[in-house]
Amino acid sequence: MANRTKVTQQKRARERAKQERQQEKTRRREEARTRKANEPSTGGSDGDPDIAGIVPGPQPRPWNDEDLVEDDTDTSAE
């Protein structure tokens, strides 16, 4: 019978630990919810400063191709 008591006590200790872990998880979840609710919303596109100035659609070319086009028209006129 002494062994049975030991097993019962161990089981109770495990169950208590499990309940404590569950309560800790619940507390952390509540804290996260309140933290997210109190944060000011950034509004989707303001999050990444690297892409802040980019607009959808065709972008201007970063190099100067206009000189090449003018050179082609000059050679065909000769």
C-alpha atoms as a PDB file:
ATOM      1  CA  MET A   1       0.000   0.000   0.000  1.00  0.00           C
ATOM      2  CA  ALA A   2       2.900   2.332   0.567  1.00  0.00           C
ATOM      3  CA  ASN A   3       3.742   2.161  -3.120  1.00  0.00           C
ATOM      4  CA  ARG A   4       0.213   3.083  -4.087  1.00  0.00           C
ATOM      5  CA  THR A   5       0.287   6.190  -1.920  1.00  0.00           C
ATOM      6  CA  LYS A   6       3.542   7.259  -3.519  1.00  0.00           C
ATOM      7  CA  VAL A   7       2.079   6.835  -7.009  1.00  0.00           C
ATOM      8  CA  THR A   8      -1.032   8.793  -6.049  1.00  0.00           C
ATOM      9  CA  GLN A   9       1.049  11.642  -4.656  1.00  0.00           C
ATOM     10  CA  GLN A  10       3.190  11.724  -7.780  1.00  0.00           C
ATOM     11  CA  LYS A  11       0.105  11.820  -9.965  1.00  0.00           C
ATOM     12  CA  ARG A  12      -1.358  14.687  -7.930  1.00  0.00           C
ATOM     13  CA  ALA A  13       1.932  16.570  -8.224  1.00  0.00           C
ATOM     14  CA  ARG A  14       1.940  16.058 -12.004  1.00  0.00           C
ATOM     15  CA  GLU A  15      -1.653  17.227 -12.285  1.00  0.00           C
ATOM     16  CA  ARG A  16      -0.908  20.298 -10.142  1.00  0.00           C
ATOM     17  CA  ALA A  17       2.097  21.133 -12.319  1.00  0.00           C
ATOM     18  CA  LYS A  18      -0.019  20.707 -15.441  1.00  0.00           C
ATOM     19  CA  GLN A  19      -2.675  23.064 -14.074  1.00  0.00           C
ATOM     20  CA  GLU A  20      -0.032  25.637 -13.161  1.00  0.00           C
ATOM     21  CA  ARG A  21       1.454  25.479 -16.658  1.00  0.00           C
ATOM     22  CA  GLN A  22      -2.009  25.924 -18.174  1.00  0.00           C
ATOM     23  CA  GLN A  23      -2.707  28.923 -15.941  1.00  0.00           C
ATOM     24  CA  GLU A  24       0.643  30.453 -16.924  1.00  0.00           C
ATOM     25  CA  LYS A  25      -0.166  29.991 -20.619  1.00  0.00           C
ATOM     26  CA  THR A  26      -3.572  31.592 -20.139  1.00  0.00           C
ATOM     27  CA  ARG A  27      -2.005  34.538 -18.312  1.00  0.00           C
ATOM     28  CA  ARG A  28       0.592  35.033 -21.071  1.00  0.00           C
ATOM     29  CA  ARG A  29      -2.104  34.896 -23.757  1.00  0.00           C
ATOM     30  CA  GLU A  30      -4.145  37.545 -21.946  1.00  0.00           C
ATOM     31  CA  GLU A  31      -1.075  39.771 -21.621  1.00  0.00           C
ATOM     32  CA  ALA A  32      -0.360  39.391 -25.334  1.00  0.00           C
ATOM     33  CA  ARG A  33      -3.956  40.296 -26.213  1.00  0.00           C
ATOM     34  CA  THR A  34      -3.895  43.430 -24.074  1.00  0.00           C
ATOM     35  CA  ARG A  35      -0.466  44.400 -25.430  1.00  0.00           C
ATOM     36  CA  LYS A  36      -1.689  44.037 -29.029  1.00  0.00           C
ATOM     37  CA  ALA A  37      -4.878  45.964 -28.259  1.00  0.00           C
ATOM     38  CA  ASN A  38      -2.898  48.861 -26.756  1.00  0.00           C
ATOM     39  CA  GLU A  39      -0.395  49.112 -29.631  1.00  0.00           C
ATOM     40  CA  PRO A  40      -1.096  51.802 -32.198  1.00  0.00           C
ATOM     41  CA  SER A  41      -1.883  50.257 -35.556  1.00  0.00           C
ATOM     42  CA  THR A  42       0.829  50.917 -38.120  1.00  0.00           C
ATOM     43  CA  GLY A  43      -1.357  50.518 -41.193  1.00  0.00           C
ATOM     44  CA  GLY A  44       0.048  47.769 -43.428  1.00  0.00           C
ATOM     45  CA  SER A  45       2.471  49.597 -45.738  1.00  0.00           C
ATOM     46  CA  ASP A  46       4.144  51.795 -43.109  1.00  0.00           C
ATOM     47  CA  GLY A  47       5.822  48.789 -41.516  1.00  0.00           C
ATOM     48  CA  ASP A  48       8.886  48.458 -43.752  1.00  0.00           C
ATOM     49  CA  PRO A  49      10.809  51.686 -44.396  1.00  0.00           C
ATOM     50  CA  ASP A  50      12.680  50.091 -47.319  1.00  0.00           C
ATOM     51  CA  ILE A  51       9.536  49.901 -49.430  1.00  0.00           C
ATOM     52  CA  ALA A  52       7.794  53.033 -48.124  1.00  0.00           C
ATOM     53  CA  GLY A  53       8.187  55.101 -51.321  1.00  0.00           C
ATOM     54  CA  ILE A  54       7.436  52.380 -53.847  1.00  0.00           C
ATOM     55  CA  VAL A  55       4.139  52.578 -55.711  1.00  0.00           C
ATOM     56  CA  PRO A  56       2.556  49.668 -57.601  1.00  0.00           C
ATOM     57  CA  GLY A  57       2.987  49.541 -61.337  1.00  0.00           C
ATOM     58  CA  PRO A  58       5.840  50.309 -63.715  1.00  0.00           C
ATOM     59  CA  GLN A  59       8.792  52.006 -62.071  1.00  0.00           C
ATOM     60  CA  PRO A  60      11.142  54.524 -63.689  1.00  0.00           C
ATOM     61  CA  ARG A  61      14.406  52.978 -64.796  1.00  0.00           C
ATOM     62  CA  PRO A  62      17.308  53.574 -62.441  1.00  0.00           C
ATOM     63  CA  TRP A  63      19.762  54.077 -65.337  1.00  0.00           C
ATOM     64  CA  ASN A  64      19.633  56.534 -68.178  1.00  0.00           C
ATOM     65  CA  ASP A  65      18.441  54.699 -71.328  1.00  0.00           C
ATOM     66  CA  GLU A  66      17.340  57.911 -73.016  1.00  0.00           C
ATOM     67  CA  ASP A  67      20.903  58.561 -74.224  1.00  0.00           C
ATOM     68  CA  LEU A  68      20.963  55.208 -76.020  1.00  0.00           C
ATOM     69  CA  VAL A  69      17.700  55.894 -77.825  1.00  0.00           C
ATOM     70  CA  GLU A  70      18.899  59.324 -78.968  1.00  0.00           C
ATOM     71  CA  ASP A  71      22.165  57.815 -80.263  1.00  0.00           C
ATOM     72  CA  ASP A  72      20.215  55.287 -82.348  1.00  0.00           C
ATOM     73  CA  THR A  73      18.112  58.016 -83.942  1.00  0.00           C
ATOM     74  CA  ASP A  74      21.215  60.109 -84.695  1.00  0.00           C
ATOM     75  CA  THR A  75      22.942  57.244 -86.535  1.00  0.00           C
ATOM     76  CA  SER A  76      19.873  56.449 -88.617  1.00  0.00           C
ATOM     77  CA  ALA A  77      19.612  60.104 -89.727  1.00  0.00           C
ATOM     78  CA  GLU A  78      23.140  60.022 -91.190  1.00  0.00           C
END
